[in-house]
N, C-alpha and C. Protein backbone atom coordinates (compact mmCIF):
# COMPACT_ATOMS: atom_id res chain seq x y z
N UNK A 1 -0.82 100.05 132.90
CA UNK A 1 -0.52 99.49 134.01
C UNK A 1 -0.92 100.53 135.24
N UNK A 2 -0.46 101.75 134.84
CA UNK A 2 -0.78 102.80 136.01
C UNK A 2 -2.26 102.96 136.15
N UNK A 3 -2.88 102.60 135.40
CA UNK A 3 -4.62 102.89 135.77
C UNK A 3 -4.87 101.61 136.46
N UNK A 4 -4.46 100.26 136.06
CA UNK A 4 -4.82 98.92 137.04
C UNK A 4 -4.44 99.16 138.41
N UNK A 5 -3.04 99.62 138.56
CA UNK A 5 -2.49 99.97 139.94
C UNK A 5 -3.44 100.85 140.69
N UNK A 6 -3.65 102.00 140.03
CA UNK A 6 -4.34 103.09 140.82
C UNK A 6 -5.85 102.32 140.90
N UNK A 7 -6.38 101.44 140.28
CA UNK A 7 -7.66 101.17 140.56
C UNK A 7 -7.67 100.15 141.71
N UNK A 8 -6.49 99.34 141.84
CA UNK A 8 -6.34 98.36 142.96
C UNK A 8 -6.36 99.23 144.16
N UNK A 9 -5.69 99.98 144.33
CA UNK A 9 -4.79 100.81 145.30
C UNK A 9 -6.52 101.49 146.13
N UNK A 10 -7.26 101.90 145.11
CA UNK A 10 -8.71 102.30 145.52
C UNK A 10 -9.61 101.37 145.86
N UNK A 11 -9.33 100.01 145.50
CA UNK A 11 -10.48 98.81 145.88
C UNK A 11 -11.17 98.91 144.92
N UNK A 12 -11.06 99.41 143.60
CA UNK A 12 -12.21 99.60 142.82
C UNK A 12 -12.22 98.34 141.81
N UNK A 13 -12.28 97.04 142.40
CA UNK A 13 -12.30 95.91 141.29
C UNK A 13 -13.30 95.81 140.41
N UNK A 14 -14.33 96.56 140.23
CA UNK A 14 -15.38 96.18 139.12
C UNK A 14 -14.90 97.09 138.31
N UNK A 15 -14.17 98.06 138.35
CA UNK A 15 -14.18 99.34 137.35
C UNK A 15 -12.79 98.38 136.47
N UNK A 16 -11.86 97.55 137.14
CA UNK A 16 -10.96 97.22 136.40
C UNK A 16 -11.35 96.02 135.31
N UNK A 17 -12.74 95.20 135.36
CA UNK A 17 -13.11 94.42 134.71
C UNK A 17 -13.52 95.33 133.57
N UNK A 18 -14.12 96.71 133.55
CA UNK A 18 -14.64 97.41 132.56
C UNK A 18 -13.59 97.86 131.80
N UNK A 19 -12.41 97.82 131.95
CA UNK A 19 -11.40 98.52 131.22
C UNK A 19 -10.84 97.80 130.15
N UNK A 20 -10.75 98.31 129.12
CA UNK A 20 -10.52 97.69 127.85
C UNK A 20 -8.83 97.49 127.72
N UNK A 21 -8.79 96.08 127.04
CA UNK A 21 -7.59 95.65 127.15
C UNK A 21 -6.59 95.82 125.88
N UNK A 22 -5.40 96.34 125.80
CA UNK A 22 -4.55 96.69 124.51
C UNK A 22 -4.87 95.43 123.80
N UNK A 23 -4.55 95.71 122.36
CA UNK A 23 -4.67 94.78 121.20
C UNK A 23 -3.49 93.64 121.51
N UNK A 24 -2.30 94.30 121.82
CA UNK A 24 -0.93 93.44 121.85
C UNK A 24 -1.19 92.51 122.70
N UNK A 25 -1.73 92.26 123.96
CA UNK A 25 -1.77 91.20 125.00
C UNK A 25 -2.80 90.02 124.32
N UNK A 26 -3.45 90.13 123.25
CA UNK A 26 -4.22 89.12 122.62
C UNK A 26 -3.54 88.03 121.57
N UNK A 27 -3.71 86.96 121.35
CA UNK A 27 -3.36 86.27 120.45
C UNK A 27 -3.83 86.71 119.22
N UNK A 28 -3.24 86.54 118.26
CA UNK A 28 -3.56 86.86 116.73
C UNK A 28 -4.74 85.84 116.47
N UNK A 29 -5.26 85.19 116.75
CA UNK A 29 -6.09 83.97 116.84
C UNK A 29 -7.52 84.32 117.46
N UNK A 30 -8.71 84.02 116.75
CA UNK A 30 -9.93 84.24 117.23
C UNK A 30 -10.13 82.90 118.75
N UNK A 31 -11.04 83.29 119.05
CA UNK A 31 -11.56 82.02 119.96
C UNK A 31 -11.95 80.78 119.30
N UNK A 32 -12.64 80.87 117.95
CA UNK A 32 -12.84 79.71 117.49
C UNK A 32 -12.01 78.93 116.99
N UNK A 33 -10.81 79.57 116.59
CA UNK A 33 -9.65 79.11 115.99
C UNK A 33 -8.92 78.27 117.06
N UNK A 34 -8.93 78.92 118.27
CA UNK A 34 -8.33 78.10 119.40
C UNK A 34 -9.13 76.82 119.88
N UNK A 35 -10.38 76.97 119.88
CA UNK A 35 -11.23 75.95 120.20
C UNK A 35 -11.48 74.96 119.06
N UNK A 36 -10.74 74.74 117.99
CA UNK A 36 -10.86 73.96 116.74
C UNK A 36 -9.64 73.41 117.02
N UNK A 37 -8.58 73.94 117.58
CA UNK A 37 -7.31 73.29 117.74
C UNK A 37 -7.24 72.11 118.75
N UNK A 38 -8.32 72.57 119.65
CA UNK A 38 -8.71 71.39 120.86
C UNK A 38 -9.37 70.36 120.61
N UNK A 39 -10.14 70.49 119.26
CA UNK A 39 -10.71 69.23 118.67
C UNK A 39 -9.63 68.31 117.78
N UNK A 40 -8.50 68.60 117.71
CA UNK A 40 -7.45 68.02 116.88
C UNK A 40 -7.71 66.55 117.15
N UNK A 41 -7.85 65.82 118.33
CA UNK A 41 -7.94 64.37 118.68
C UNK A 41 -9.49 63.92 118.49
N UNK A 42 -10.43 64.65 118.02
CA UNK A 42 -11.76 64.31 117.97
C UNK A 42 -12.20 62.81 117.04
N UNK A 43 -11.41 63.12 116.04
CA UNK A 43 -11.80 62.08 114.97
C UNK A 43 -11.24 60.64 115.57
N UNK A 44 -10.29 60.26 116.34
CA UNK A 44 -9.84 59.47 116.69
C UNK A 44 -10.75 58.83 117.64
N UNK A 45 -10.70 59.72 118.82
CA UNK A 45 -11.73 59.06 119.93
C UNK A 45 -12.87 58.92 119.37
N UNK A 46 -13.78 59.73 118.97
CA UNK A 46 -15.08 59.69 118.85
C UNK A 46 -15.27 58.55 117.81
N UNK A 47 -14.49 58.41 116.94
CA UNK A 47 -15.06 56.90 115.98
C UNK A 47 -14.83 55.87 116.91
N UNK A 48 -13.82 55.59 117.54
CA UNK A 48 -13.62 54.56 118.49
C UNK A 48 -14.93 54.51 119.70
N UNK A 49 -15.19 55.72 120.05
CA UNK A 49 -16.41 55.80 120.94
C UNK A 49 -17.56 55.11 120.40
N UNK A 50 -17.61 55.76 118.92
CA UNK A 50 -19.31 55.23 118.19
C UNK A 50 -19.30 53.63 117.86
N UNK A 51 -17.83 53.08 117.71
CA UNK A 51 -17.83 51.68 117.49
C UNK A 51 -18.02 50.77 118.64
N UNK A 52 -17.91 51.16 119.79
CA UNK A 52 -17.95 50.49 120.94
C UNK A 52 -19.41 50.29 121.63
N UNK A 53 -19.58 48.82 122.25
CA UNK A 53 -20.85 48.76 122.70
C UNK A 53 -20.86 49.10 124.36
N UNK A 54 -19.72 49.14 124.86
CA UNK A 54 -19.85 49.49 126.41
C UNK A 54 -19.56 50.77 126.76
N UNK A 55 -20.78 51.16 127.68
CA UNK A 55 -21.01 52.53 127.72
C UNK A 55 -19.97 53.25 128.75
N UNK A 56 -19.20 52.40 129.36
CA UNK A 56 -18.25 52.93 130.25
C UNK A 56 -16.82 53.26 129.32
N UNK A 57 -16.61 52.15 128.46
CA UNK A 57 -15.72 52.51 127.57
C UNK A 57 -15.98 53.59 126.78
N UNK A 58 -16.92 53.89 126.56
CA UNK A 58 -17.36 55.05 125.62
C UNK A 58 -17.01 56.51 126.57
N UNK A 59 -17.57 56.09 127.22
CA UNK A 59 -17.45 57.55 128.38
C UNK A 59 -15.84 57.73 128.39
N UNK A 60 -15.19 56.97 128.80
CA UNK A 60 -13.64 56.94 128.62
C UNK A 60 -12.89 57.55 127.45
N UNK A 61 -13.54 57.08 126.36
CA UNK A 61 -13.02 57.74 125.10
C UNK A 61 -13.24 59.05 124.84
N UNK A 62 -14.75 59.36 125.20
CA UNK A 62 -15.04 60.74 125.11
C UNK A 62 -14.22 61.75 126.03
N UNK A 63 -13.94 61.09 127.18
CA UNK A 63 -13.25 62.09 128.30
C UNK A 63 -12.07 62.25 127.75
N UNK A 64 -11.29 61.02 127.09
CA UNK A 64 -9.58 61.21 126.90
C UNK A 64 -9.82 62.19 125.51
N UNK A 65 -10.90 62.22 124.75
CA UNK A 65 -10.69 63.16 123.45
C UNK A 65 -10.63 64.55 124.23
N UNK A 66 -11.49 65.01 124.93
CA UNK A 66 -12.02 66.38 125.55
C UNK A 66 -10.78 66.82 126.40
N UNK A 67 -9.95 65.76 127.52
CA UNK A 67 -8.71 66.43 128.13
C UNK A 67 -7.62 66.33 127.06
N UNK A 68 -7.67 65.25 126.02
CA UNK A 68 -6.19 65.28 125.33
C UNK A 68 -6.21 66.40 124.46
N UNK A 69 -7.31 67.02 124.18
CA UNK A 69 -6.93 68.26 123.25
C UNK A 69 -6.78 69.61 124.08
N UNK A 70 -7.19 69.44 125.52
CA UNK A 70 -6.84 70.90 126.26
C UNK A 70 -5.56 71.60 126.12
N UNK A 71 -4.57 70.63 126.01
CA UNK A 71 -3.23 71.43 126.39
C UNK A 71 -2.83 72.26 124.87
N UNK A 72 -3.55 71.86 123.69
CA UNK A 72 -3.27 72.64 122.48
C UNK A 72 -3.64 73.92 122.26
N UNK A 73 -4.59 74.24 122.61
CA UNK A 73 -5.09 75.62 122.47
C UNK A 73 -4.17 76.59 123.15
N UNK A 74 -3.65 76.42 124.23
CA UNK A 74 -3.02 77.46 124.85
C UNK A 74 -1.73 77.39 124.35
N UNK A 75 -0.79 76.36 123.93
CA UNK A 75 0.37 76.36 123.06
C UNK A 75 0.04 77.08 121.87
N UNK A 76 -1.22 76.76 120.99
CA UNK A 76 -1.20 77.36 119.80
C UNK A 76 -1.31 78.87 119.89
N UNK A 77 -2.10 79.13 120.75
CA UNK A 77 -2.47 81.01 120.98
C UNK A 77 -1.36 81.46 121.69
N UNK A 78 -0.19 80.83 122.20
CA UNK A 78 0.95 81.26 122.48
C UNK A 78 0.64 81.92 124.06
N UNK A 79 -0.11 81.14 124.93
CA UNK A 79 -0.45 81.40 126.13
C UNK A 79 -0.86 83.03 126.39
N UNK A 80 -1.77 83.47 125.40
CA UNK A 80 -2.22 84.73 125.31
C UNK A 80 -3.50 84.46 125.28
N UNK A 81 -4.73 85.42 125.68
CA UNK A 81 -6.12 85.31 125.65
C UNK A 81 -6.18 85.42 124.14
N UNK A 82 -7.23 84.59 123.55
CA UNK A 82 -7.88 84.64 122.25
C UNK A 82 -8.64 86.21 122.04
N UNK A 83 -8.38 86.48 120.86
CA UNK A 83 -9.59 87.87 120.66
C UNK A 83 -11.05 87.45 120.99
N UNK A 84 -11.78 88.14 121.57
CA UNK A 84 -13.28 88.11 121.83
C UNK A 84 -13.98 87.73 120.42
N UNK A 85 -14.96 86.94 120.62
CA UNK A 85 -15.62 86.45 119.23
C UNK A 85 -16.58 87.78 118.95
N UNK A 86 -16.78 87.82 117.79
CA UNK A 86 -17.56 88.90 117.32
C UNK A 86 -18.86 88.18 117.02
N UNK A 87 -19.98 89.10 117.62
CA UNK A 87 -21.15 88.30 117.25
C UNK A 87 -21.17 87.88 115.59
N UNK A 88 -21.58 86.89 115.31
CA UNK A 88 -21.78 86.27 114.07
C UNK A 88 -20.91 85.38 113.55
N UNK A 89 -19.60 85.49 113.98
CA UNK A 89 -18.49 84.55 113.84
C UNK A 89 -18.60 83.22 113.58
N UNK A 90 -17.95 82.90 112.35
CA UNK A 90 -18.07 81.52 112.39
C UNK A 90 -16.78 80.87 111.72
N UNK A 91 -16.78 79.43 111.86
CA UNK A 91 -15.39 78.97 111.37
C UNK A 91 -15.90 77.70 110.76
N UNK A 92 -15.19 77.42 109.82
CA UNK A 92 -15.27 75.78 109.08
C UNK A 92 -13.63 75.11 109.13
N UNK A 93 -13.50 74.01 109.11
CA UNK A 93 -12.49 73.52 109.10
C UNK A 93 -12.62 71.93 108.78
N UNK A 94 -11.57 71.54 108.23
CA UNK A 94 -11.52 70.27 107.59
C UNK A 94 -9.98 69.34 108.02
N UNK A 95 -10.25 68.48 108.90
CA UNK A 95 -8.93 68.06 109.58
C UNK A 95 -8.48 67.02 108.25
N UNK A 96 -7.01 66.63 108.87
CA UNK A 96 -6.69 65.72 107.83
C UNK A 96 -7.07 64.53 107.43
N UNK A 97 -8.00 64.25 108.51
CA UNK A 97 -8.57 62.69 108.29
C UNK A 97 -9.93 62.90 107.59
N UNK A 98 -10.66 64.17 107.24
CA UNK A 98 -11.68 64.46 106.59
C UNK A 98 -12.68 64.90 107.52
N UNK A 99 -12.56 64.78 108.45
CA UNK A 99 -13.62 65.18 109.55
C UNK A 99 -13.69 66.73 109.55
N UNK A 100 -14.88 67.34 109.40
CA UNK A 100 -15.34 68.59 109.26
C UNK A 100 -15.80 69.30 110.66
N UNK A 101 -15.63 70.36 110.91
CA UNK A 101 -15.70 70.94 112.14
C UNK A 101 -16.60 72.53 111.68
N UNK A 102 -17.65 72.72 111.94
CA UNK A 102 -18.41 74.22 112.02
C UNK A 102 -18.72 74.75 113.47
N UNK A 103 -17.93 75.69 113.40
CA UNK A 103 -18.48 76.29 114.80
C UNK A 103 -18.96 78.05 114.49
N UNK A 104 -19.81 78.42 115.60
CA UNK A 104 -20.20 79.50 115.38
C UNK A 104 -20.08 80.22 116.72
């Protein structure tokens, strides 16, 4: 905290962005794990969107899927920043309904 305060007093904002963050402020989950939690509602809404012929209703369902999952990740990650992804990190999950998620 002392380093950050010193940089702020000297108006060195660009240096603050270059400072490394201590590990304890991060969530124990990776960014991909948190993003996968956002997709928890995907199967319900996307299956219904695929079945409908009305483009407006399809857009509503896709938007509802996206917005509906946004509250999950911060709660799951305990309101802390996820670890920065490492190059080549991948994640594979299968949801209870059988939907598979592949992320990189």
